[in-house]
Amino acid sequence: MPEKKCLECGIAFKGRADKKFCSDQCRSAHHNVLNSDVTSYVRNVNNALRRNRRILDSLNPGGKIKVTAARLKEEGFDFRYHTSTYKTRDGVIYYYCYEQGYLPIEKNYYLLVLKQDLFQ
């Protein structure tokens, strides 16, 4: 049987034929390094989505309000990220960050809405 070496630290070890790491620590360290860039990207996107939702929620306590694009940007809103869209029969597109939504209306104005069907 050929000698196996740990993929993380290179130490020789004995064990099952399909075993690749000498310990749980080496296995975890190896996979953490492999997934760190993906994990970092996902974490950054999720943080942006949560921030967007929090901003929409704070600016829209009544469920429907008109705000300026400048106000959204001032609060730190990132228009690149949303969780879903809804297209009406008229072709109007609402953008949602979870249950909080926004609709571009006039130039530099947005209508903030709350997706009501989630609460019924």
Foldseek 3Di string as FASTA:
>chain_A
DDWAAAPQPGHTDDDDPPDRHPDPVSVVVVVCVVCVVVVVVVVVLVVLLVQQVVLLCVVCVPFKDKDFLVVCVVSPHDVVHFDDWDQDPVRFIWTHSVQWIWGDDDVRMIMIGGNPVVPD
